[in-house]
PDB file of N, CA and C in Angstrom:
ATOM      1  N   GLN A   1     185.341 -89.920 227.099  1.00  0.00           N
ATOM      2  CA  GLN A   1     184.687 -89.437 225.916  1.00  0.00           C
ATOM      3  C   GLN A   1     184.823 -90.460 224.795  1.00  0.00           C
ATOM      4  N   VAL A   2     183.782 -90.580 223.996  1.00  0.00           N
ATOM      5  CA  VAL A   2     183.775 -91.450 222.831  1.00  0.00           C
ATOM      6  C   VAL A   2     184.006 -90.605 221.593  1.00  0.00           C
ATOM      7  N   GLN A   3     184.880 -91.088 220.735  1.00  0.00           N
ATOM      8  CA  GLN A   3     185.089 -90.466 219.445  1.00  0.00           C
ATOM      9  C   GLN A   3     184.566 -91.398 218.366  1.00  0.00           C
ATOM     10  N   LEU A   4     183.890 -90.838 217.380  1.00  0.00           N
ATOM     11  CA  LEU A   4     183.303 -91.603 216.296  1.00  0.00           C
ATOM     12  C   LEU A   4     183.858 -91.097 214.977  1.00  0.00           C
ATOM     13  N   VAL A   5     184.321 -92.007 214.151  1.00  0.00           N
ATOM     14  CA  VAL A   5     184.869 -91.648 212.851  1.00  0.00           C
ATOM     15  C   VAL A   5     184.192 -92.489 211.788  1.00  0.00           C
ATOM     16  N   GLU A   6     183.464 -91.819 210.903  1.00  0.00           N
ATOM     17  CA  GLU A   6     182.784 -92.500 209.814  1.00  0.00           C
ATOM     18  C   GLU A   6     183.679 -92.597 208.591  1.00  0.00           C
ATOM     19  N   SER A   7     183.400 -93.588 207.771  1.00  0.00           N
ATOM     20  CA  SER A   7     184.074 -93.730 206.494  1.00  0.00           C
ATOM     21  C   SER A   7     183.181 -94.534 205.566  1.00  0.00           C
ATOM     22  N   GLY A   8     183.519 -94.530 204.299  1.00  0.00           N
ATOM     23  CA  GLY A   8     182.809 -95.338 203.329  1.00  0.00           C
ATOM     24  C   GLY A   8     181.897 -94.585 202.391  1.00  0.00           C
ATOM     25  N   GLY A   9     181.713 -93.304 202.635  1.00  0.00           N
ATOM     26  CA  GLY A   9     180.882 -92.523 201.748  1.00  0.00           C
ATOM     27  C   GLY A   9     181.542 -92.325 200.399  1.00  0.00           C
ATOM     28  N   GLY A  10     180.753 -91.874 199.456  1.00  0.00           N
ATOM     29  CA  GLY A  10     181.272 -91.642 198.127  1.00  0.00           C
ATOM     30  C   GLY A  10     180.161 -91.429 197.133  1.00  0.00           C
ATOM     31  N   LEU A  11     180.531 -91.485 195.875  1.00  0.00           N
ATOM     32  CA  LEU A  11     179.600 -91.291 194.775  1.00  0.00           C
ATOM     33  C   LEU A  11     179.255 -92.636 194.156  1.00  0.00           C
ATOM     34  N   VAL A  12     177.969 -92.927 194.074  1.00  0.00           N
ATOM     35  CA  VAL A  12     177.498 -94.161 193.457  1.00  0.00           C
ATOM     36  C   VAL A  12     176.308 -93.853 192.570  1.00  0.00           C
ATOM     37  N   GLN A  13     176.059 -94.737 191.627  1.00  0.00           N
ATOM     38  CA  GLN A  13     174.882 -94.606 190.783  1.00  0.00           C
ATOM     39  C   GLN A  13     173.673 -95.229 191.456  1.00  0.00           C
ATOM     40  N   ALA A  14     172.506 -94.742 191.085  1.00  0.00           N
ATOM     41  CA  ALA A  14     171.270 -95.311 191.610  1.00  0.00           C
ATOM     42  C   ALA A  14     171.238 -96.815 191.362  1.00  0.00           C
ATOM     43  N   GLY A  15     170.800 -97.539 192.378  1.00  0.00           N
ATOM     44  CA  GLY A  15     170.780 -98.983 192.307  1.00  0.00           C
ATOM     45  C   GLY A  15     172.025 -99.640 192.849  1.00  0.00           C
ATOM     46  N   GLY A  16     173.043 -98.854 193.097  1.00  0.00           N
ATOM     47  CA  GLY A  16     174.287 -99.385 193.611  1.00  0.00           C
ATOM     48  C   GLY A  16     174.276 -99.548 195.115  1.00  0.00           C
ATOM     49  N   SER A  17     175.435 -99.913 195.643  1.00  0.00           N
ATOM     50  CA  SER A  17     175.562-100.195 197.066  1.00  0.00           C
ATOM     51  C   SER A  17     176.781 -99.511 197.659  1.00  0.00           C
ATOM     52  N   LEU A  18     176.703 -99.225 198.932  1.00  0.00           N
ATOM     53  CA  LEU A  18     177.812 -98.719 199.714  1.00  0.00           C
ATOM     54  C   LEU A  18     177.718 -99.296 201.114  1.00  0.00           C
ATOM     55  N   ARG A  19     178.854 -99.418 201.764  1.00  0.00           N
ATOM     56  CA  ARG A  19     178.868 -99.790 203.168  1.00  0.00           C
ATOM     57  C   ARG A  19     179.602 -98.725 203.959  1.00  0.00           C
ATOM     58  N   LEU A  20     178.908 -98.136 204.896  1.00  0.00           N
ATOM     59  CA  LEU A  20     179.501 -97.152 205.776  1.00  0.00           C
ATOM     60  C   LEU A  20     180.003 -97.822 207.043  1.00  0.00           C
ATOM     61  N   SER A  21     181.090 -97.303 207.560  1.00  0.00           N
ATOM     62  CA  SER A  21     181.651 -97.801 208.802  1.00  0.00           C
ATOM     63  C   SER A  21     181.822 -96.651 209.778  1.00  0.00           C
ATOM     64  N   CYS A  22     181.705 -96.952 211.040  1.00  0.00           N
ATOM     65  CA  CYS A  22     181.920 -95.979 212.104  1.00  0.00           C
ATOM     66  C   CYS A  22     182.723 -96.658 213.191  1.00  0.00           C
ATOM     67  N   VAL A  23     183.927 -96.183 213.399  1.00  0.00           N
ATOM     68  CA  VAL A  23     184.801 -96.745 214.415  1.00  0.00           C
ATOM     69  C   VAL A  23     184.740 -95.876 215.662  1.00  0.00           C
ATOM     70  N   ALA A  24     184.415 -96.479 216.776  1.00  0.00           N
ATOM     71  CA  ALA A  24     184.351 -95.781 218.046  1.00  0.00           C
ATOM     72  C   ALA A  24     185.626 -96.023 218.837  1.00  0.00           C
ATOM     73  N   SER A  25     186.093 -94.989 219.495  1.00  0.00           N
ATOM     74  CA  SER A  25     187.282 -95.098 220.315  1.00  0.00           C
ATOM     75  C   SER A  25     187.124 -94.235 221.558  1.00  0.00           C
ATOM     76  N   GLY A  26     188.107 -94.297 222.433  1.00  0.00           N
ATOM     77  CA  GLY A  26     188.050 -93.544 223.669  1.00  0.00           C
ATOM     78  C   GLY A  26     187.517 -94.404 224.796  1.00  0.00           C
ATOM     79  N   ASP A  27     186.540 -93.886 225.509  1.00  0.00           N
ATOM     80  CA  ASP A  27     185.935 -94.602 226.625  1.00  0.00           C
ATOM     81  C   ASP A  27     184.896 -95.574 226.088  1.00  0.00           C
ATOM     82  N   THR A  28     185.349 -96.728 225.703  1.00  0.00           N
ATOM     83  CA  THR A  28     184.470 -97.678 225.032  1.00  0.00           C
ATOM     84  C   THR A  28     183.383 -98.242 225.937  1.00  0.00           C
ATOM     85  N   VAL A  29     183.534 -98.108 227.241  1.00  0.00           N
ATOM     86  CA  VAL A  29     182.461 -98.521 228.139  1.00  0.00           C
ATOM     87  C   VAL A  29     181.251 -97.618 227.994  1.00  0.00           C
ATOM     88  N   CYS A  30     181.439 -96.477 227.354  1.00  0.00           N
ATOM     89  CA  CYS A  30     180.363 -95.527 227.148  1.00  0.00           C
ATOM     90  C   CYS A  30     179.597 -95.781 225.858  1.00  0.00           C
ATOM     91  N   ILE A  31     179.973 -96.786 225.121  1.00  0.00           N
ATOM     92  CA  ILE A  31     179.292 -97.129 223.883  1.00  0.00           C
ATOM     93  C   ILE A  31     178.074 -97.980 224.200  1.00  0.00           C
ATOM     94  N   SER A  32     176.929 -97.562 223.701  1.00  0.00           N
ATOM     95  CA  SER A  32     175.711 -98.304 223.981  1.00  0.00           C
ATOM     96  C   SER A  32     174.762 -98.271 222.788  1.00  0.00           C
ATOM     97  N   TYR A  33     173.806 -97.385 222.840  1.00  0.00           N
ATOM     98  CA  TYR A  33     172.810 -97.237 221.786  1.00  0.00           C
ATOM     99  C   TYR A  33     173.437 -96.454 220.638  1.00  0.00           C
ATOM    100  N   MET A  34     173.472 -97.051 219.450  1.00  0.00           N
ATOM    101  CA  MET A  34     174.133 -96.430 218.319  1.00  0.00           C
ATOM    102  C   MET A  34     173.187 -96.352 217.131  1.00  0.00           C
ATOM    103  N   GLY A  35     173.530 -95.463 216.231  1.00  0.00           N
ATOM    104  CA  GLY A  35     172.685 -95.329 215.064  1.00  0.00           C
ATOM    105  C   GLY A  35     173.324 -94.523 213.963  1.00  0.00           C
ATOM    106  N   TRP A  36     172.637 -94.520 212.849  1.00  0.00           N
ATOM    107  CA  TRP A  36     172.998 -93.700 211.707  1.00  0.00           C
ATOM    108  C   TRP A  36     171.889 -92.691 211.462  1.00  0.00           C
ATOM    109  N   TYR A  37     172.280 -91.469 211.268  1.00  0.00           N
ATOM    110  CA  TYR A  37     171.380 -90.394 210.904  1.00  0.00           C
ATOM    111  C   TYR A  37     171.907 -89.752 209.631  1.00  0.00           C
ATOM    112  N   ARG A  38     171.061 -89.024 208.951  1.00  0.00           N
ATOM    113  CA  ARG A  38     171.506 -88.362 207.745  1.00  0.00           C
ATOM    114  C   ARG A  38     170.847 -86.999 207.616  1.00  0.00           C
ATOM    115  N   GLN A  39     171.516 -86.143 206.887  1.00  0.00           N
ATOM    116  CA  GLN A  39     170.993 -84.821 206.628  1.00  0.00           C
ATOM    117  C   GLN A  39     171.180 -84.503 205.155  1.00  0.00           C
ATOM    118  N   ALA A  40     170.071 -84.388 204.463  1.00  0.00           N
ATOM    119  CA  ALA A  40     170.071 -84.041 203.051  1.00  0.00           C
ATOM    120  C   ALA A  40     170.002 -82.527 202.905  1.00  0.00           C
ATOM    121  N   PRO A  41     170.384 -82.012 201.743  1.00  0.00           N
ATOM    122  CA  PRO A  41     170.310 -80.563 201.533  1.00  0.00           C
ATOM    123  C   PRO A  41     168.915 -80.018 201.784  1.00  0.00           C
ATOM    124  N   GLY A  42     168.832 -78.989 202.591  1.00  0.00           N
ATOM    125  CA  GLY A  42     167.564 -78.362 202.893  1.00  0.00           C
ATOM    126  C   GLY A  42     166.680 -79.130 203.841  1.00  0.00           C
ATOM    127  N   LYS A  43     167.181 -80.201 204.415  1.00  0.00           N
ATOM    128  CA  LYS A  43     166.397 -81.039 205.315  1.00  0.00           C
ATOM    129  C   LYS A  43     167.019 -81.072 206.703  1.00  0.00           C
ATOM    130  N   GLU A  44     166.195 -81.392 207.689  1.00  0.00           N
ATOM    131  CA  GLU A  44     166.694 -81.618 209.032  1.00  0.00           C
ATOM    132  C   GLU A  44     167.331 -82.998 209.119  1.00  0.00           C
ATOM    133  N   ARG A  45     168.205 -83.152 210.086  1.00  0.00           N
ATOM    134  CA  ARG A  45     168.804 -84.453 210.312  1.00  0.00           C
ATOM    135  C   ARG A  45     167.712 -85.450 210.703  1.00  0.00           C
ATOM    136  N   GLU A  46     167.767 -86.620 210.098  1.00  0.00           N
ATOM    137  CA  GLU A  46     166.740 -87.622 210.334  1.00  0.00           C
ATOM    138  C   GLU A  46     167.352 -88.974 210.665  1.00  0.00           C
ATOM    139  N   LEU A  47     166.582 -89.745 211.382  1.00  0.00           N
ATOM    140  CA  LEU A  47     166.978 -91.104 211.726  1.00  0.00           C
ATOM    141  C   LEU A  47     167.006 -91.979 210.486  1.00  0.00           C
ATOM    142  N   VAL A  48     168.047 -92.768 210.358  1.00  0.00           N
ATOM    143  CA  VAL A  48     168.128 -93.784 209.324  1.00  0.00           C
ATOM    144  C   VAL A  48     167.912 -95.161 209.940  1.00  0.00           C
ATOM    145  N   ALA A  49     168.727 -95.494 210.924  1.00  0.00           N
ATOM    146  CA  ALA A  49     168.632 -96.790 211.576  1.00  0.00           C
ATOM    147  C   ALA A  49     169.337 -96.722 212.910  1.00  0.00           C
ATOM    148  N   THR A  50     168.884 -97.529 213.842  1.00  0.00           N
ATOM    149  CA  THR A  50     169.519 -97.613 215.152  1.00  0.00           C
ATOM    150  C   THR A  50     169.691 -99.067 215.548  1.00  0.00           C
ATOM    151  N   VAL A  51     170.604 -99.287 216.463  1.00  0.00           N
ATOM    152  CA  VAL A  51     170.814-100.622 217.009  1.00  0.00           C
ATOM    153  C   VAL A  51     171.210-100.482 218.474  1.00  0.00           C
ATOM    154  N   THR A  52     170.566-101.252 219.328  1.00  0.00           N
ATOM    155  CA  THR A  52     170.891-101.226 220.743  1.00  0.00           C
ATOM    156  C   THR A  52     172.132-102.054 221.009  1.00  0.00           C
ATOM    157  N   SER A  53     172.629-101.946 222.227  1.00  0.00           N
ATOM    158  CA  SER A  53     173.786-102.748 222.606  1.00  0.00           C
ATOM    159  C   SER A  53     173.485-104.234 222.519  1.00  0.00           C
ATOM    160  N   GLY A  54     172.220-104.592 222.658  1.00  0.00           N
ATOM    161  CA  GLY A  54     171.819-105.978 222.549  1.00  0.00           C
ATOM    162  C   GLY A  54     171.505-106.437 221.145  1.00  0.00           C
ATOM    163  N   GLY A  55     171.578-105.530 220.174  1.00  0.00           N
ATOM    164  CA  GLY A  55     171.397-105.902 218.790  1.00  0.00           C
ATOM    165  C   GLY A  55     170.016-105.660 218.209  1.00  0.00           C
ATOM    166  N   ARG A  56     169.129-105.060 218.968  1.00  0.00           N
ATOM    167  CA  ARG A  56     167.804-104.760 218.435  1.00  0.00           C
ATOM    168  C   ARG A  56     167.894-103.579 217.480  1.00  0.00           C
ATOM    169  N   THR A  57     167.311-103.720 216.296  1.00  0.00           N
ATOM    170  CA  THR A  57     167.426-102.708 215.254  1.00  0.00           C
ATOM    171  C   THR A  57     166.102-102.024 214.980  1.00  0.00           C
ATOM    172  N   ASN A  58     166.223-100.832 214.435  1.00  0.00           N
ATOM    173  CA  ASN A  58     165.071-100.058 214.022  1.00  0.00           C
ATOM    174  C   ASN A  58     165.461 -99.275 212.777  1.00  0.00           C
ATOM    175  N   TYR A  59     164.517 -99.150 211.832  1.00  0.00           N
ATOM    176  CA  TYR A  59     164.803 -98.483 210.573  1.00  0.00           C
ATOM    177  C   TYR A  59     163.732 -97.471 210.237  1.00  0.00           C
ATOM    178  N   ALA A  60     164.164 -96.418 209.579  1.00  0.00           N
ATOM    179  CA  ALA A  60     163.210 -95.505 208.984  1.00  0.00           C
ATOM    180  C   ALA A  60     162.481 -96.226 207.855  1.00  0.00           C
ATOM    181  N   ASP A  61     161.210 -95.886 207.673  1.00  0.00           N
ATOM    182  CA  ASP A  61     160.429 -96.540 206.631  1.00  0.00           C
ATOM    183  C   ASP A  61     161.062 -96.377 205.248  1.00  0.00           C
ATOM    184  N   SER A  62     161.720 -95.267 205.028  1.00  0.00           N
ATOM    185  CA  SER A  62     162.283 -94.973 203.726  1.00  0.00           C
ATOM    186  C   SER A  62     163.442 -95.893 203.342  1.00  0.00           C
ATOM    187  N   VAL A  63     164.030 -96.566 204.318  1.00  0.00           N
ATOM    188  CA  VAL A  63     165.189 -97.412 204.024  1.00  0.00           C
ATOM    189  C   VAL A  63     164.946 -98.874 204.345  1.00  0.00           C
ATOM    190  N   LYS A  64     163.793 -99.207 204.877  1.00  0.00           N
ATOM    191  CA  LYS A  64     163.500-100.600 205.210  1.00  0.00           C
ATOM    192  C   LYS A  64     163.594-101.479 203.976  1.00  0.00           C
ATOM    193  N   GLY A  65     164.241-102.600 204.142  1.00  0.00           N
ATOM    194  CA  GLY A  65     164.416-103.531 203.045  1.00  0.00           C
ATOM    195  C   GLY A  65     165.604-103.240 202.165  1.00  0.00           C
ATOM    196  N   ARG A  66     166.208-102.075 202.333  1.00  0.00           N
ATOM    197  CA  ARG A  66     167.359-101.691 201.524  1.00  0.00           C
ATOM    198  C   ARG A  66     168.632-101.528 202.347  1.00  0.00           C
ATOM    199  N   PHE A  67     168.487-101.013 203.552  1.00  0.00           N
ATOM    200  CA  PHE A  67     169.642-100.768 204.416  1.00  0.00           C
ATOM    201  C   PHE A  67     169.663-101.778 205.558  1.00  0.00           C
ATOM    202  N   THR A  68     170.858-102.094 206.011  1.00  0.00           N
ATOM    203  CA  THR A  68     171.028-102.971 207.156  1.00  0.00           C
ATOM    204  C   THR A  68     172.051-102.370 208.105  1.00  0.00           C
ATOM    205  N   ILE A  69     171.651-102.175 209.348  1.00  0.00           N
ATOM    206  CA  ILE A  69     172.570-101.686 210.360  1.00  0.00           C
ATOM    207  C   ILE A  69     173.085-102.874 211.168  1.00  0.00           C
ATOM    208  N   SER A  70     174.343-102.831 211.513  1.00  0.00           N
ATOM    209  CA  SER A  70     174.929-103.889 212.313  1.00  0.00           C
ATOM    210  C   SER A  70     176.082-103.319 213.125  1.00  0.00           C
ATOM    211  N   ARG A  71     176.525-104.084 214.097  1.00  0.00           N
ATOM    212  CA  ARG A  71     177.649-103.636 214.911  1.00  0.00           C
ATOM    213  C   ARG A  71     178.530-104.812 215.259  1.00  0.00           C
ATOM    214  N   ASP A  72     179.807-104.535 215.360  1.00  0.00           N
ATOM    215  CA  ASP A  72     180.788-105.504 215.805  1.00  0.00           C
ATOM    216  C   ASP A  72     181.352-104.959 217.103  1.00  0.00           C
ATOM    217  N   ASN A  73     180.847-105.448 218.207  1.00  0.00           N
ATOM    218  CA  ASN A  73     181.242-104.903 219.496  1.00  0.00           C
ATOM    219  C   ASN A  73     182.716-105.164 219.817  1.00  0.00           C
ATOM    220  N   ALA A  74     183.253-106.256 219.309  1.00  0.00           N
ATOM    221  CA  ALA A  74     184.661-106.543 219.536  1.00  0.00           C
ATOM    222  C   ALA A  74     185.556-105.518 218.863  1.00  0.00           C
ATOM    223  N   LYS A  75     185.103-104.992 217.736  1.00  0.00           N
ATOM    224  CA  LYS A  75     185.861-103.980 217.000  1.00  0.00           C
ATOM    225  C   LYS A  75     185.388-102.564 217.284  1.00  0.00           C
ATOM    226  N   ASN A  76     184.370-102.441 218.113  1.00  0.00           N
ATOM    227  CA  ASN A  76     183.773-101.132 218.399  1.00  0.00           C
ATOM    228  C   ASN A  76     183.414-100.400 217.109  1.00  0.00           C
ATOM    229  N   THR A  77     182.811-101.126 216.208  1.00  0.00           N
ATOM    230  CA  THR A  77     182.513-100.588 214.889  1.00  0.00           C
ATOM    231  C   THR A  77     181.045-100.781 214.547  1.00  0.00           C
ATOM    232  N   LEU A  78     180.469 -99.755 213.993  1.00  0.00           N
ATOM    233  CA  LEU A  78     179.095 -99.754 213.523  1.00  0.00           C
ATOM    234  C   LEU A  78     179.109 -99.716 212.002  1.00  0.00           C
ATOM    235  N   TYR A  79     178.189-100.432 211.385  1.00  0.00           N
ATOM    236  CA  TYR A  79     178.120-100.497 209.938  1.00  0.00           C
ATOM    237  C   TYR A  79     176.728-100.128 209.442  1.00  0.00           C
ATOM    238  N   LEU A  80     176.690 -99.642 208.229  1.00  0.00           N
ATOM    239  CA  LEU A  80     175.437 -99.456 207.528  1.00  0.00           C
ATOM    240  C   LEU A  80     175.624 -99.939 206.099  1.00  0.00           C
ATOM    241  N   GLN A  81     175.023-101.068 205.789  1.00  0.00           N
ATOM    242  CA  GLN A  81     175.045-101.588 204.433  1.00  0.00           C
ATOM    243  C   GLN A  81     173.874-100.991 203.682  1.00  0.00           C
ATOM    244  N   MET A  82     174.161-100.295 202.612  1.00  0.00           N
ATOM    245  CA  MET A  82     173.145 -99.605 201.841  1.00  0.00           C
ATOM    246  C   MET A  82     173.073-100.218 200.449  1.00  0.00           C
ATOM    247  N   ASN A  83     171.940-100.807 200.137  1.00  0.00           N
ATOM    248  CA  ASN A  83     171.711-101.411 198.836  1.00  0.00           C
ATOM    249  C   ASN A  83     170.573-100.695 198.129  1.00  0.00           C
ATOM    250  N   SER A  84     170.491-100.921 196.830  1.00  0.00           N
ATOM    251  CA  SER A  84     169.432-100.324 196.016  1.00  0.00           C
ATOM    252  C   SER A  84     169.310 -98.833 196.276  1.00  0.00           C
ATOM    253  N   LEU A  85     170.425 -98.166 196.238  1.00  0.00           N
ATOM    254  CA  LEU A  85     170.455 -96.746 196.573  1.00  0.00           C
ATOM    255  C   LEU A  85     169.656 -95.913 195.581  1.00  0.00           C
ATOM    256  N   LYS A  86     169.013 -94.905 196.120  1.00  0.00           N
ATOM    257  CA  LYS A  86     168.221 -93.978 195.348  1.00  0.00           C
ATOM    258  C   LYS A  86     168.814 -92.584 195.467  1.00  0.00           C
ATOM    259  N   SER A  87     168.470 -91.726 194.526  1.00  0.00           N
ATOM    260  CA  SER A  87     168.960 -90.359 194.594  1.00  0.00           C
ATOM    261  C   SER A  87     168.506 -89.675 195.882  1.00  0.00           C
ATOM    262  N   GLU A  88     167.355 -90.071 196.399  1.00  0.00           N
ATOM    263  CA  GLU A  88     166.847 -89.504 197.640  1.00  0.00           C
ATOM    264  C   GLU A  88     167.701 -89.851 198.851  1.00  0.00           C
ATOM    265  N   ASP A  89     168.596 -90.817 198.712  1.00  0.00           N
ATOM    266  CA  ASP A  89     169.480 -91.190 199.805  1.00  0.00           C
ATOM    267  C   ASP A  89     170.687 -90.268 199.916  1.00  0.00           C
ATOM    268  N   THR A  90     170.850 -89.383 198.967  1.00  0.00           N
ATOM    269  CA  THR A  90     171.968 -88.451 199.000  1.00  0.00           C
ATOM    270  C   THR A  90     171.896 -87.591 200.256  1.00  0.00           C
ATOM    271  N   ALA A  91     172.953 -87.627 201.035  1.00  0.00           N
ATOM    272  CA  ALA A  91     172.981 -86.901 202.301  1.00  0.00           C
ATOM    273  C   ALA A  91     174.339 -87.086 202.950  1.00  0.00           C
ATOM    274  N   VAL A  92     174.580 -86.294 203.977  1.00  0.00           N
ATOM    275  CA  VAL A  92     175.695 -86.550 204.869  1.00  0.00           C
ATOM    276  C   VAL A  92     175.202 -87.497 205.944  1.00  0.00           C
ATOM    277  N   TYR A  93     175.891 -88.592 206.113  1.00  0.00           N
ATOM    278  CA  TYR A  93     175.499 -89.609 207.070  1.00  0.00           C
ATOM    279  C   TYR A  93     176.358 -89.497 208.318  1.00  0.00           C
ATOM    280  N   TYR A  94     175.697 -89.491 209.474  1.00  0.00           N
ATOM    281  CA  TYR A  94     176.363 -89.310 210.746  1.00  0.00           C
ATOM    282  C   TYR A  94     176.193 -90.532 211.631  1.00  0.00           C
ATOM    283  N   CYS A  95     177.251 -90.903 212.273  1.00  0.00           N
ATOM    284  CA  CYS A  95     177.238 -91.952 213.280  1.00  0.00           C
ATOM    285  C   CYS A  95     176.907 -91.341 214.631  1.00  0.00           C
ATOM    286  N   TYR A  96     176.177 -92.085 215.457  1.00  0.00           N
ATOM    287  CA  TYR A  96     175.686 -91.579 216.739  1.00  0.00           C
ATOM    288  C   TYR A  96     175.855 -92.635 217.822  1.00  0.00           C
ATOM    289  N   ASN A  97     176.167 -92.167 219.014  1.00  0.00           N
ATOM    290  CA  ASN A  97     176.234 -93.047 220.174  1.00  0.00           C
ATOM    291  C   ASN A  97     175.629 -92.359 221.383  1.00  0.00           C
ATOM    292  N   LYS A  98     174.901 -93.126 222.184  1.00  0.00           N
ATOM    293  CA  LYS A  98     174.379 -92.645 223.451  1.00  0.00           C
ATOM    294  C   LYS A  98     174.937 -93.517 224.568  1.00  0.00           C
ATOM    295  N   ARG A  99     175.351 -92.906 225.642  1.00  0.00           N
ATOM    296  CA  ARG A  99     175.985 -93.626 226.734  1.00  0.00           C
ATOM    297  C   ARG A  99     175.005 -94.529 227.455  1.00  0.00           C
ATOM    298  N   PRO A 100     175.519 -95.575 228.092  1.00  0.00           N
ATOM    299  CA  PRO A 100     174.635 -96.454 228.866  1.00  0.00           C
ATOM    300  C   PRO A 100     174.057 -95.735 230.069  1.00  0.00           C
ATOM    301  N   ILE A 101     172.892 -96.157 230.468  1.00  0.00           N
ATOM    302  CA  ILE A 101     172.300 -95.638 231.691  1.00  0.00           C
ATOM    303  C   ILE A 101     173.131 -96.093 232.881  1.00  0.00           C
ATOM    304  N   GLY A 102     173.483 -95.154 233.746  1.00  0.00           N
ATOM    305  CA  GLY A 102     174.235 -95.478 234.943  1.00  0.00           C
ATOM    306  C   GLY A 102     175.734 -95.550 234.768  1.00  0.00           C
ATOM    307  N   ALA A 103     176.234 -95.238 233.588  1.00  0.00           N
ATOM    308  CA  ALA A 103     177.683 -95.250 233.345  1.00  0.00           C
ATOM    309  C   ALA A 103     178.265 -93.920 233.794  1.00  0.00           C
ATOM    310  N   LEU A 104     178.702 -93.865 235.028  1.00  0.00           N
ATOM    311  CA  LEU A 104     179.136 -92.604 235.620  1.00  0.00           C
ATOM    312  C   LEU A 104     180.401 -92.047 234.985  1.00  0.00           C
ATOM    313  N   ILE A 105     181.209 -92.910 234.383  1.00  0.00           N
ATOM    314  CA  ILE A 105     182.430 -92.446 233.745  1.00  0.00           C
ATOM    315  C   ILE A 105     182.147 -91.643 232.484  1.00  0.00           C
ATOM    316  N   CYS A 106     180.967 -91.801 231.934  1.00  0.00           N
ATOM    317  CA  CYS A 106     180.628 -91.176 230.664  1.00  0.00           C
ATOM    318  C   CYS A 106     180.058 -89.786 230.897  1.00  0.00           C
ATOM    319  N   ARG A 107     180.893 -88.793 230.713  1.00  0.00           N
ATOM    320  CA  ARG A 107     180.464 -87.422 230.968  1.00  0.00           C
ATOM    321  C   ARG A 107     179.537 -86.887 229.895  1.00  0.00           C
ATOM    322  N   THR A 108     179.747 -87.314 228.668  1.00  0.00           N
ATOM    323  CA  THR A 108     178.943 -86.844 227.559  1.00  0.00           C
ATOM    324  C   THR A 108     177.831 -87.833 227.272  1.00  0.00           C
ATOM    325  N   SER A 109     176.614 -87.346 227.222  1.00  0.00           N
ATOM    326  CA  SER A 109     175.475 -88.234 227.039  1.00  0.00           C
ATOM    327  C   SER A 109     175.387 -88.808 225.637  1.00  0.00           C
ATOM    328  N   GLU A 110     175.818 -88.057 224.661  1.00  0.00           N
ATOM    329  CA  GLU A 110     175.753 -88.513 223.288  1.00  0.00           C
ATOM    330  C   GLU A 110     176.922 -87.962 222.491  1.00  0.00           C
ATOM    331  N   THR A 111     177.261 -88.680 221.433  1.00  0.00           N
ATOM    332  CA  THR A 111     178.389 -88.323 220.590  1.00  0.00           C
ATOM    333  C   THR A 111     177.989 -88.466 219.134  1.00  0.00           C
ATOM    334  N   TRP A 112     178.456 -87.553 218.333  1.00  0.00           N
ATOM    335  CA  TRP A 112     178.238 -87.585 216.892  1.00  0.00           C
ATOM    336  C   TRP A 112     179.569 -87.650 216.166  1.00  0.00           C
ATOM    337  N   GLY A 113     179.583 -88.370 215.063  1.00  0.00           N
ATOM    338  CA  GLY A 113     180.739 -88.373 214.199  1.00  0.00           C
ATOM    339  C   GLY A 113     180.767 -87.134 213.335  1.00  0.00           C
ATOM    340  N   GLN A 114     181.804 -87.036 212.519  1.00  0.00           N
ATOM    341  CA  GLN A 114     181.963 -85.854 211.675  1.00  0.00           C
ATOM    342  C   GLN A 114     181.114 -85.904 210.413  1.00  0.00           C
ATOM    343  N   GLY A 115     180.627 -87.068 210.079  1.00  0.00           N
ATOM    344  CA  GLY A 115     179.798 -87.245 208.905  1.00  0.00           C
ATOM    345  C   GLY A 115     180.586 -87.715 207.697  1.00  0.00           C
ATOM    346  N   THR A 116     179.926 -88.462 206.847  1.00  0.00           N
ATOM    347  CA  THR A 116     180.502 -88.892 205.581  1.00  0.00           C
ATOM    348  C   THR A 116     179.450 -88.703 204.492  1.00  0.00           C
ATOM    349  N   LEU A 117     179.870 -88.139 203.388  1.00  0.00           N
ATOM    350  CA  LEU A 117     178.936 -87.765 202.332  1.00  0.00           C
ATOM    351  C   LEU A 117     178.664 -88.936 201.400  1.00  0.00           C
ATOM    352  N   VAL A 118     177.384 -89.194 201.190  1.00  0.00           N
ATOM    353  CA  VAL A 118     176.932 -90.179 200.218  1.00  0.00           C
ATOM    354  C   VAL A 118     176.175 -89.445 199.127  1.00  0.00           C
ATOM    355  N   THR A 119     176.636 -89.599 197.904  1.00  0.00           N
ATOM    356  CA  THR A 119     175.980 -88.978 196.761  1.00  0.00           C
ATOM    357  C   THR A 119     175.550 -90.060 195.788  1.00  0.00           C
ATOM    358  N   VAL A 120     174.268 -90.090 195.493  1.00  0.00           N
ATOM    359  CA  VAL A 120     173.706 -91.089 194.587  1.00  0.00           C
ATOM    360  C   VAL A 120     173.242 -90.374 193.330  1.00  0.00           C
ATOM    361  N   SER A 121     173.813 -90.731 192.214  1.00  0.00           N
ATOM    362  CA  SER A 121     173.476 -90.113 190.944  1.00  0.00           C
ATOM    363  C   SER A 121     172.488 -90.975 190.171  1.00  0.00           C
ATOM    364  N   SER A 122     171.645 -90.318 189.391  1.00  0.00           N
ATOM    365  CA  SER A 122     170.652 -91.022 188.586  1.00  0.00           C
ATOM    366  C   SER A 122     171.218 -91.419 187.242  1.00  0.00           C
TER     367      SER A 122
END
């Protein structure tokens, strides 16, 4: 099983920056496709950004040019650098992992972190 622990959330003013971190532990061979999702009040959880094990990234249109997703495979850590933050970015941000195809040791297909709250004030 993979465990994901997010950190780095907090209160920032609009235009400011934050960097979120997600440390993965446990069965690290089960770490593959990772991403950040967020859930704002009254909204469904939505994709923010994803990164494959090979480093290919994808971003929601709402964060393109402002957020950068990256991973340090040696540290089993996922990052989300958030710049030019807007009040609309206020949400609980969740780290996500999906197991590799064919990884028989990985019983759980996907894992979610506990979430970290980002609040952007105007």
